[in-house]
N, C-alpha and C. Protein backbone atom coordinates (compact mmCIF):
# COMPACT_ATOMS: atom_id res chain seq x y z
N HIS A 1 146.96 170.33 135.76
CA HIS A 1 148.00 169.95 136.71
C HIS A 1 147.83 168.48 137.04
N THR A 2 148.94 167.82 137.32
CA THR A 2 148.88 166.45 137.81
C THR A 2 150.08 166.16 138.71
N THR A 3 149.87 165.19 139.58
CA THR A 3 150.97 164.76 140.45
C THR A 3 151.65 163.51 139.90
N ARG A 4 151.14 162.97 138.81
CA ARG A 4 151.78 161.76 138.27
C ARG A 4 153.05 162.13 137.52
N LYS A 5 153.89 161.14 137.33
CA LYS A 5 155.13 161.34 136.60
C LYS A 5 154.81 161.49 135.11
N PRO A 6 155.55 162.34 134.42
CA PRO A 6 155.29 162.48 132.98
C PRO A 6 155.66 161.21 132.23
N ARG A 7 154.88 160.91 131.19
CA ARG A 7 155.24 159.82 130.29
C ARG A 7 156.38 160.32 129.41
N SER A 8 157.03 159.40 128.72
CA SER A 8 158.23 159.75 127.95
C SER A 8 157.97 160.81 126.87
N ASN A 9 156.74 160.88 126.36
CA ASN A 9 156.44 161.83 125.28
C ASN A 9 155.78 163.12 125.77
N GLU A 10 155.67 163.30 127.08
CA GLU A 10 154.98 164.46 127.64
C GLU A 10 155.96 165.55 128.07
N ILE A 11 155.49 166.80 127.92
CA ILE A 11 156.33 167.96 128.25
C ILE A 11 155.61 168.78 129.32
N ASP A 12 156.36 169.12 130.37
CA ASP A 12 155.82 169.94 131.46
C ASP A 12 155.43 171.30 130.90
N GLY A 13 154.24 171.76 131.25
CA GLY A 13 153.75 173.04 130.78
C GLY A 13 153.04 172.96 129.44
N VAL A 14 153.12 171.82 128.77
CA VAL A 14 152.44 171.62 127.50
C VAL A 14 151.32 170.59 127.68
N ASP A 15 151.71 169.39 128.09
CA ASP A 15 150.73 168.32 128.30
C ASP A 15 150.03 168.49 129.66
N TYR A 16 150.80 168.80 130.65
CA TYR A 16 150.33 169.05 132.01
C TYR A 16 151.34 169.96 132.68
N PHE A 17 150.94 170.49 133.83
CA PHE A 17 151.90 171.06 134.75
C PHE A 17 152.13 169.95 135.76
N PHE A 18 153.31 169.36 135.74
CA PHE A 18 153.63 168.25 136.63
C PHE A 18 154.15 168.82 137.95
N VAL A 19 153.42 168.55 139.02
CA VAL A 19 153.77 169.11 140.33
C VAL A 19 153.79 168.00 141.38
N ARG A 20 154.43 168.29 142.49
CA ARG A 20 154.44 167.33 143.60
C ARG A 20 153.11 167.43 144.35
N GLU A 21 152.79 166.40 145.09
CA GLU A 21 151.51 166.33 145.78
C GLU A 21 151.30 167.50 146.74
N GLU A 22 152.37 167.91 147.43
CA GLU A 22 152.24 169.01 148.38
C GLU A 22 151.81 170.29 147.66
N GLU A 23 152.40 170.54 146.49
CA GLU A 23 152.06 171.72 145.70
C GLU A 23 150.61 171.64 145.24
N PHE A 24 150.19 170.46 144.79
CA PHE A 24 148.82 170.29 144.33
C PHE A 24 147.84 170.57 145.46
N LYS A 25 148.13 170.05 146.65
CA LYS A 25 147.24 170.25 147.80
C LYS A 25 147.17 171.72 148.20
N LYS A 26 148.27 172.45 148.04
CA LYS A 26 148.26 173.90 148.30
C LYS A 26 147.31 174.59 147.32
N LEU A 27 147.37 174.19 146.06
CA LEU A 27 146.49 174.78 145.05
C LEU A 27 145.02 174.46 145.35
N ILE A 28 144.76 173.26 145.86
CA ILE A 28 143.39 172.90 146.26
C ILE A 28 142.94 173.83 147.38
N SER A 29 143.79 173.99 148.40
CA SER A 29 143.40 174.81 149.56
C SER A 29 143.18 176.28 149.17
N LYS A 30 143.88 176.72 148.13
CA LYS A 30 143.70 178.10 147.65
C LYS A 30 142.57 178.21 146.61
N LYS A 31 141.87 177.09 146.39
CA LYS A 31 140.74 177.04 145.45
C LYS A 31 141.14 177.49 144.05
N LYS A 32 142.26 176.98 143.57
CA LYS A 32 142.78 177.36 142.26
C LYS A 32 142.27 176.48 141.12
N PHE A 33 141.52 175.42 141.45
CA PHE A 33 141.06 174.51 140.41
C PHE A 33 139.58 174.66 140.12
N LEU A 34 139.25 174.64 138.85
CA LEU A 34 137.84 174.59 138.43
C LEU A 34 137.28 173.21 138.78
N GLU A 35 138.12 172.20 138.61
CA GLU A 35 137.78 170.84 138.98
C GLU A 35 139.07 170.11 139.30
N TYR A 36 138.96 169.10 140.13
CA TYR A 36 140.10 168.24 140.39
C TYR A 36 139.60 166.91 140.94
N ALA A 37 140.44 165.89 140.82
CA ALA A 37 140.08 164.57 141.33
C ALA A 37 141.36 163.79 141.58
N LYS A 38 141.25 162.86 142.49
CA LYS A 38 142.34 161.92 142.71
C LYS A 38 141.94 160.64 141.99
N VAL A 39 142.76 160.26 141.02
CA VAL A 39 142.48 159.10 140.18
C VAL A 39 143.72 158.23 140.17
N PHE A 40 143.57 156.97 140.60
CA PHE A 40 144.69 156.02 140.64
C PHE A 40 145.91 156.59 141.36
N ASN A 41 145.66 157.12 142.54
CA ASN A 41 146.71 157.62 143.44
C ASN A 41 147.42 158.87 142.95
N ASN A 42 146.89 159.51 141.92
CA ASN A 42 147.45 160.76 141.45
C ASN A 42 146.34 161.80 141.36
N TYR A 43 146.71 163.05 141.62
CA TYR A 43 145.76 164.14 141.49
C TYR A 43 145.83 164.72 140.08
N TYR A 44 144.66 165.15 139.59
CA TYR A 44 144.54 165.83 138.31
C TYR A 44 143.62 167.02 138.53
N GLY A 45 143.93 168.16 137.93
CA GLY A 45 143.07 169.32 138.09
C GLY A 45 143.25 170.33 136.99
N SER A 46 142.19 171.12 136.77
CA SER A 46 142.20 172.17 135.74
C SER A 46 142.22 173.54 136.42
N SER A 47 143.22 174.32 136.09
CA SER A 47 143.41 175.65 136.67
C SER A 47 142.27 176.58 136.27
N GLU A 48 141.58 177.10 137.26
CA GLU A 48 140.46 178.00 137.01
C GLU A 48 140.93 179.25 136.27
N ASP A 49 142.05 179.83 136.68
CA ASP A 49 142.56 181.05 136.04
C ASP A 49 142.82 180.83 134.55
N VAL A 50 143.51 179.76 134.22
CA VAL A 50 143.85 179.47 132.82
C VAL A 50 142.58 179.27 132.00
N VAL A 51 141.65 178.50 132.53
CA VAL A 51 140.41 178.21 131.81
C VAL A 51 139.61 179.48 131.57
N PHE A 52 139.39 180.28 132.61
CA PHE A 52 138.56 181.48 132.45
C PHE A 52 139.22 182.53 131.57
N LYS A 53 140.54 182.65 131.61
CA LYS A 53 141.22 183.60 130.73
C LYS A 53 140.94 183.26 129.27
N LYS A 54 141.02 181.98 128.94
CA LYS A 54 140.78 181.55 127.56
C LYS A 54 139.31 181.73 127.18
N LEU A 55 138.41 181.34 128.07
CA LEU A 55 136.98 181.48 127.79
C LEU A 55 136.60 182.95 127.62
N ASP A 56 137.16 183.81 128.45
CA ASP A 56 136.86 185.24 128.36
C ASP A 56 137.36 185.86 127.05
N LYS A 57 138.34 185.22 126.42
CA LYS A 57 138.85 185.67 125.12
C LYS A 57 138.04 185.07 123.97
N GLY A 58 137.02 184.26 124.32
CA GLY A 58 136.18 183.65 123.29
C GLY A 58 136.70 182.32 122.78
N GLN A 59 137.73 181.80 123.42
CA GLN A 59 138.28 180.51 123.01
C GLN A 59 137.47 179.37 123.62
N SER A 60 137.43 178.27 122.91
CA SER A 60 136.79 177.06 123.44
C SER A 60 137.82 176.25 124.20
N ILE A 61 137.37 175.52 125.19
CA ILE A 61 138.25 174.68 126.00
C ILE A 61 137.75 173.25 125.89
N ILE A 62 138.68 172.34 125.69
CA ILE A 62 138.36 170.91 125.70
C ILE A 62 139.03 170.31 126.92
N PHE A 63 138.23 169.69 127.77
CA PHE A 63 138.75 168.99 128.94
C PHE A 63 138.81 167.50 128.62
N ASP A 64 139.88 166.87 129.01
CA ASP A 64 139.99 165.41 128.94
C ASP A 64 140.01 164.95 130.39
N ILE A 65 138.80 164.81 130.96
CA ILE A 65 138.68 164.53 132.38
C ILE A 65 137.69 163.40 132.62
N ASP A 66 137.73 162.84 133.82
CA ASP A 66 136.80 161.77 134.14
C ASP A 66 135.48 162.35 134.64
N TRP A 67 134.57 161.47 134.96
CA TRP A 67 133.21 161.88 135.36
C TRP A 67 133.19 162.73 136.62
N GLN A 68 134.16 162.52 137.51
CA GLN A 68 134.19 163.31 138.75
C GLN A 68 134.39 164.79 138.45
N GLY A 69 135.36 165.08 137.60
CA GLY A 69 135.63 166.46 137.22
C GLY A 69 134.48 167.07 136.44
N THR A 70 133.88 166.26 135.57
CA THR A 70 132.73 166.75 134.79
C THR A 70 131.60 167.16 135.72
N GLU A 71 131.32 166.35 136.72
CA GLU A 71 130.25 166.68 137.67
C GLU A 71 130.56 167.96 138.44
N GLN A 72 131.83 168.16 138.81
CA GLN A 72 132.20 169.38 139.52
C GLN A 72 131.94 170.62 138.66
N ILE A 73 132.31 170.55 137.40
CA ILE A 73 132.11 171.69 136.50
C ILE A 73 130.62 171.94 136.29
N LYS A 74 129.85 170.88 136.08
CA LYS A 74 128.41 171.03 135.86
C LYS A 74 127.73 171.68 137.07
N GLN A 75 128.18 171.36 138.26
CA GLN A 75 127.57 171.91 139.48
C GLN A 75 127.84 173.40 139.64
N LYS A 76 128.86 173.91 138.97
CA LYS A 76 129.22 175.33 139.13
C LYS A 76 128.29 176.26 138.35
N LYS A 77 127.46 175.72 137.48
CA LYS A 77 126.49 176.53 136.73
C LYS A 77 127.16 177.76 136.10
N LEU A 78 128.15 177.50 135.28
CA LEU A 78 128.92 178.57 134.65
C LEU A 78 128.11 179.28 133.57
N LYS A 79 128.52 180.48 133.22
CA LYS A 79 127.82 181.26 132.20
C LYS A 79 128.20 180.80 130.79
N TYR A 80 129.05 179.84 130.69
CA TYR A 80 129.52 179.35 129.39
C TYR A 80 128.75 178.09 129.00
N LYS A 81 128.65 177.86 127.69
CA LYS A 81 127.99 176.66 127.19
C LYS A 81 128.91 175.46 127.45
N LEU A 82 128.34 174.43 128.04
CA LEU A 82 129.10 173.22 128.36
C LEU A 82 128.53 172.06 127.55
N ILE A 83 129.40 171.40 126.81
CA ILE A 83 129.01 170.22 126.04
C ILE A 83 129.81 169.05 126.60
N THR A 84 129.10 168.02 127.07
CA THR A 84 129.80 166.88 127.67
C THR A 84 129.72 165.68 126.74
N ILE A 85 130.86 165.01 126.59
CA ILE A 85 130.96 163.87 125.68
C ILE A 85 131.66 162.73 126.41
N PHE A 86 131.04 161.57 126.39
CA PHE A 86 131.60 160.37 127.02
C PHE A 86 132.04 159.45 125.89
N ILE A 87 133.29 159.05 125.90
CA ILE A 87 133.82 158.20 124.84
C ILE A 87 134.03 156.80 125.40
N LEU A 88 133.36 155.84 124.75
CA LEU A 88 133.43 154.44 125.16
C LEU A 88 134.38 153.66 124.26
N PRO A 89 135.02 152.65 124.83
CA PRO A 89 135.84 151.77 123.98
C PRO A 89 134.93 150.78 123.25
N PRO A 90 135.40 150.19 122.16
CA PRO A 90 134.58 149.20 121.45
C PRO A 90 134.41 147.90 122.24
N SER A 91 135.38 147.58 123.09
CA SER A 91 135.31 146.35 123.89
C SER A 91 136.26 146.48 125.08
N ARG A 92 136.08 145.59 126.04
CA ARG A 92 136.99 145.57 127.21
C ARG A 92 138.40 145.20 126.76
N LYS A 93 138.48 144.25 125.85
CA LYS A 93 139.80 143.80 125.37
C LYS A 93 140.55 144.95 124.69
N GLU A 94 139.83 145.69 123.86
CA GLU A 94 140.47 146.81 123.17
C GLU A 94 140.89 147.90 124.16
N LEU A 95 140.06 148.16 125.16
CA LEU A 95 140.42 149.14 126.20
C LEU A 95 141.71 148.69 126.89
N TYR A 96 141.78 147.44 127.26
CA TYR A 96 142.98 146.91 127.93
C TYR A 96 144.21 147.09 127.03
N ASN A 97 144.07 146.75 125.75
CA ASN A 97 145.20 146.90 124.83
C ASN A 97 145.63 148.36 124.69
N ARG A 98 144.66 149.27 124.64
CA ARG A 98 144.99 150.70 124.52
C ARG A 98 145.69 151.19 125.78
N LEU A 99 145.24 150.72 126.93
CA LEU A 99 145.89 151.12 128.18
C LEU A 99 147.32 150.59 128.23
N LEU A 100 147.51 149.35 127.79
CA LEU A 100 148.87 148.78 127.76
C LEU A 100 149.77 149.59 126.83
N ASN A 101 149.28 149.92 125.65
CA ASN A 101 150.09 150.67 124.68
C ASN A 101 150.40 152.07 125.17
N ARG A 102 149.46 152.71 125.86
CA ARG A 102 149.66 154.06 126.35
C ARG A 102 150.70 154.10 127.46
N ASP A 103 150.68 153.11 128.32
CA ASP A 103 151.58 153.10 129.47
C ASP A 103 152.78 152.17 129.28
N LEU A 104 153.20 152.06 128.04
CA LEU A 104 154.40 151.27 127.72
C LEU A 104 154.36 149.88 128.34
N ASN A 105 153.27 149.17 128.10
CA ASN A 105 153.08 147.80 128.57
C ASN A 105 153.14 147.65 130.08
N ASP A 106 152.69 148.66 130.80
CA ASP A 106 152.60 148.59 132.25
C ASP A 106 151.33 147.81 132.61
N GLU A 107 151.48 146.50 132.72
CA GLU A 107 150.33 145.63 132.94
C GLU A 107 149.64 145.90 134.27
N LYS A 108 150.41 146.22 135.29
CA LYS A 108 149.83 146.50 136.61
C LYS A 108 148.90 147.72 136.54
N ASN A 109 149.37 148.77 135.90
CA ASN A 109 148.57 149.99 135.75
C ASN A 109 147.32 149.72 134.92
N ALA A 110 147.47 148.98 133.83
CA ALA A 110 146.33 148.67 132.97
C ALA A 110 145.29 147.85 133.73
N MET A 111 145.73 146.89 134.53
CA MET A 111 144.80 146.06 135.31
C MET A 111 144.08 146.89 136.36
N GLU A 112 144.80 147.81 136.99
CA GLU A 112 144.19 148.69 138.00
C GLU A 112 143.10 149.55 137.37
N ARG A 113 143.37 150.08 136.19
CA ARG A 113 142.39 150.90 135.49
C ARG A 113 141.18 150.07 135.04
N MET A 114 141.42 148.85 134.65
CA MET A 114 140.32 147.97 134.23
C MET A 114 139.39 147.66 135.41
N LYS A 115 139.95 147.53 136.60
CA LYS A 115 139.12 147.27 137.80
C LYS A 115 138.19 148.44 138.07
N GLN A 116 138.62 149.64 137.78
CA GLN A 116 137.84 150.85 138.02
C GLN A 116 136.81 151.10 136.91
N PHE A 117 137.02 150.48 135.77
CA PHE A 117 136.20 150.75 134.58
C PHE A 117 134.71 150.57 134.83
N ASP A 118 134.31 149.49 135.51
CA ASP A 118 132.88 149.22 135.73
C ASP A 118 132.20 150.35 136.50
N GLU A 119 132.91 150.94 137.45
CA GLU A 119 132.34 152.06 138.21
C GLU A 119 132.28 153.33 137.38
N ASP A 120 133.26 153.52 136.52
CA ASP A 120 133.32 154.74 135.72
C ASP A 120 132.30 154.75 134.59
N VAL A 121 132.14 153.62 133.92
CA VAL A 121 131.33 153.57 132.70
C VAL A 121 129.84 153.82 132.97
N ILE A 122 129.38 153.56 134.18
CA ILE A 122 127.96 153.74 134.47
C ILE A 122 127.53 155.22 134.43
N HIS A 123 128.48 156.12 134.39
CA HIS A 123 128.16 157.55 134.36
C HIS A 123 127.85 158.06 132.95
N TRP A 124 127.87 157.20 131.97
CA TRP A 124 127.62 157.61 130.59
C TRP A 124 126.29 158.33 130.43
N LYS A 125 125.31 157.98 131.23
CA LYS A 125 123.97 158.55 131.09
C LYS A 125 123.92 160.05 131.40
N ASN A 126 124.94 160.56 132.06
CA ASN A 126 124.95 161.97 132.47
C ASN A 126 125.58 162.91 131.44
N TYR A 127 125.83 162.40 130.24
CA TYR A 127 126.53 163.17 129.22
C TYR A 127 125.60 163.54 128.06
N ASP A 128 125.92 164.64 127.40
CA ASP A 128 125.14 165.08 126.25
C ASP A 128 125.26 164.13 125.06
N LEU A 129 126.46 163.63 124.85
CA LEU A 129 126.73 162.73 123.73
C LEU A 129 127.59 161.58 124.23
N VAL A 130 127.29 160.38 123.74
CA VAL A 130 128.12 159.21 124.03
C VAL A 130 128.48 158.58 122.69
N VAL A 131 129.77 158.36 122.48
CA VAL A 131 130.24 157.75 121.23
C VAL A 131 131.12 156.55 121.54
N ILE A 132 131.12 155.62 120.62
CA ILE A 132 131.98 154.44 120.73
C ILE A 132 133.18 154.68 119.83
N ASN A 133 134.35 154.64 120.41
CA ASN A 133 135.57 154.89 119.66
C ASN A 133 136.10 153.59 119.05
N ASP A 134 135.35 153.09 118.05
CA ASP A 134 135.80 151.89 117.36
C ASP A 134 136.61 152.24 116.11
N ASP A 135 136.44 153.45 115.62
CA ASP A 135 137.20 153.95 114.48
C ASP A 135 137.48 155.42 114.78
N PHE A 136 138.75 155.76 114.93
CA PHE A 136 139.12 157.11 115.37
C PHE A 136 138.50 158.20 114.50
N ASN A 137 138.65 158.10 113.19
CA ASN A 137 138.15 159.15 112.30
C ASN A 137 136.63 159.29 112.37
N LYS A 138 135.94 158.17 112.41
CA LYS A 138 134.48 158.18 112.51
C LYS A 138 134.05 158.83 113.83
N CYS A 139 134.71 158.45 114.91
CA CYS A 139 134.42 159.00 116.23
C CYS A 139 134.68 160.51 116.25
N TYR A 140 135.81 160.92 115.72
CA TYR A 140 136.18 162.33 115.65
C TYR A 140 135.12 163.14 114.89
N LYS A 141 134.71 162.63 113.74
CA LYS A 141 133.72 163.34 112.91
C LYS A 141 132.38 163.47 113.65
N LYS A 142 131.97 162.43 114.37
CA LYS A 142 130.72 162.50 115.15
C LYS A 142 130.82 163.59 116.22
N ILE A 143 131.95 163.63 116.89
CA ILE A 143 132.13 164.62 117.96
C ILE A 143 132.13 166.04 117.39
N ILE A 144 132.88 166.27 116.32
CA ILE A 144 132.95 167.61 115.71
C ILE A 144 131.57 168.04 115.21
N LYS A 145 130.86 167.13 114.57
CA LYS A 145 129.51 167.45 114.08
C LYS A 145 128.61 167.84 115.25
N TYR A 146 128.65 167.07 116.31
CA TYR A 146 127.81 167.34 117.47
C TYR A 146 128.15 168.70 118.10
N ILE A 147 129.43 168.97 118.26
CA ILE A 147 129.85 170.26 118.84
C ILE A 147 129.35 171.42 117.98
N ASN A 148 129.50 171.32 116.68
CA ASN A 148 129.04 172.40 115.79
C ASN A 148 127.53 172.58 115.87
N LEU A 149 126.79 171.49 115.94
CA LEU A 149 125.33 171.60 116.07
C LEU A 149 124.96 172.27 117.39
N LYS A 150 125.58 171.83 118.48
CA LYS A 150 125.28 172.40 119.80
C LYS A 150 125.64 173.88 119.88
N LYS A 151 126.76 174.26 119.27
CA LYS A 151 127.16 175.66 119.26
C LYS A 151 126.08 176.52 118.61
N ASN A 152 125.39 175.93 117.65
CA ASN A 152 124.33 176.65 116.93
C ASN A 152 122.94 176.33 117.48
N ASN A 153 122.93 175.78 118.69
CA ASN A 153 121.67 175.46 119.39
C ASN A 153 120.76 174.52 118.60
N ILE A 154 121.36 173.61 117.85
CA ILE A 154 120.60 172.59 117.13
C ILE A 154 120.72 171.29 117.92
N LEU A 155 119.60 170.72 118.28
CA LEU A 155 119.59 169.50 119.07
C LEU A 155 119.75 168.29 118.16
N GLU A 156 120.59 167.38 118.58
CA GLU A 156 120.71 166.09 117.89
C GLU A 156 120.89 165.03 118.96
N ASN A 157 120.08 164.03 118.88
CA ASN A 157 120.16 162.94 119.86
C ASN A 157 120.93 161.76 119.28
N TYR A 158 121.43 160.93 120.15
CA TYR A 158 122.07 159.70 119.73
C TYR A 158 121.21 158.55 120.23
N ASP A 159 121.48 157.36 119.74
CA ASP A 159 120.67 156.19 120.07
C ASP A 159 121.06 155.68 121.46
N LYS A 160 120.33 156.12 122.47
CA LYS A 160 120.64 155.74 123.86
C LYS A 160 120.44 154.25 124.09
N LYS A 161 119.48 153.62 123.39
CA LYS A 161 119.26 152.18 123.55
C LYS A 161 120.48 151.40 123.05
N GLU A 162 121.01 151.83 121.91
CA GLU A 162 122.20 151.17 121.35
C GLU A 162 123.39 151.31 122.31
N ILE A 163 123.57 152.51 122.83
CA ILE A 163 124.68 152.76 123.76
C ILE A 163 124.47 151.94 125.04
N GLY A 164 123.22 151.90 125.53
CA GLY A 164 122.92 151.10 126.73
C GLY A 164 123.27 149.64 126.55
N LYS A 165 122.94 149.09 125.39
CA LYS A 165 123.30 147.68 125.09
C LYS A 165 124.82 147.51 125.04
N HIS A 166 125.48 148.48 124.43
CA HIS A 166 126.94 148.41 124.34
C HIS A 166 127.57 148.43 125.74
N VAL A 167 127.06 149.31 126.60
CA VAL A 167 127.59 149.40 127.96
C VAL A 167 127.35 148.08 128.71
N LEU A 168 126.18 147.49 128.55
CA LEU A 168 125.91 146.20 129.20
C LEU A 168 126.91 145.14 128.72
N ASN A 169 127.23 145.14 127.44
CA ASN A 169 128.24 144.20 126.93
C ASN A 169 129.62 144.48 127.51
N LEU A 170 129.92 145.75 127.69
CA LEU A 170 131.23 146.11 128.28
C LEU A 170 131.32 145.65 129.74
N LEU A 171 130.18 145.59 130.41
CA LEU A 171 130.18 145.21 131.83
C LEU A 171 130.18 143.70 132.05
N LYS A 172 130.09 142.93 130.99
CA LYS A 172 130.10 141.45 131.11
C LYS A 172 131.48 140.92 131.40
């Protein structure tokens, strides 16, 4: 669910359930979300009922959420296996360009998100895997490989020193 306006390519009930803020707050008060957060003046949340119905059927769920939502889910100590992945941009400039392209050249929105980036990126250390999305296919393959290994209880580490250096460069 989200309170933000749909982008031109998004469909209600497919990409998100687009609701008004009052409706979202009612859902919060009824404890209908597994996680939720207010990000850039809009609320985002994952319906507990929808998530658990799918998990109970043996389906996997992929969340595209920020660190706040991830922490909420981790604190719930669910009976399901949770794999957390933090995806970093190759550079600040590339992140800015991607934000501009996603929001139809909305420079104000892109600048607002860039201001928040320094606070968000420091949470990378709390994730099972951190990847740099410098090449989509390479990034995708790393993520799929990691998920398959974790599903089979095989541990694989990534180079935390390399990622730490990359994050320091992103913060410059």
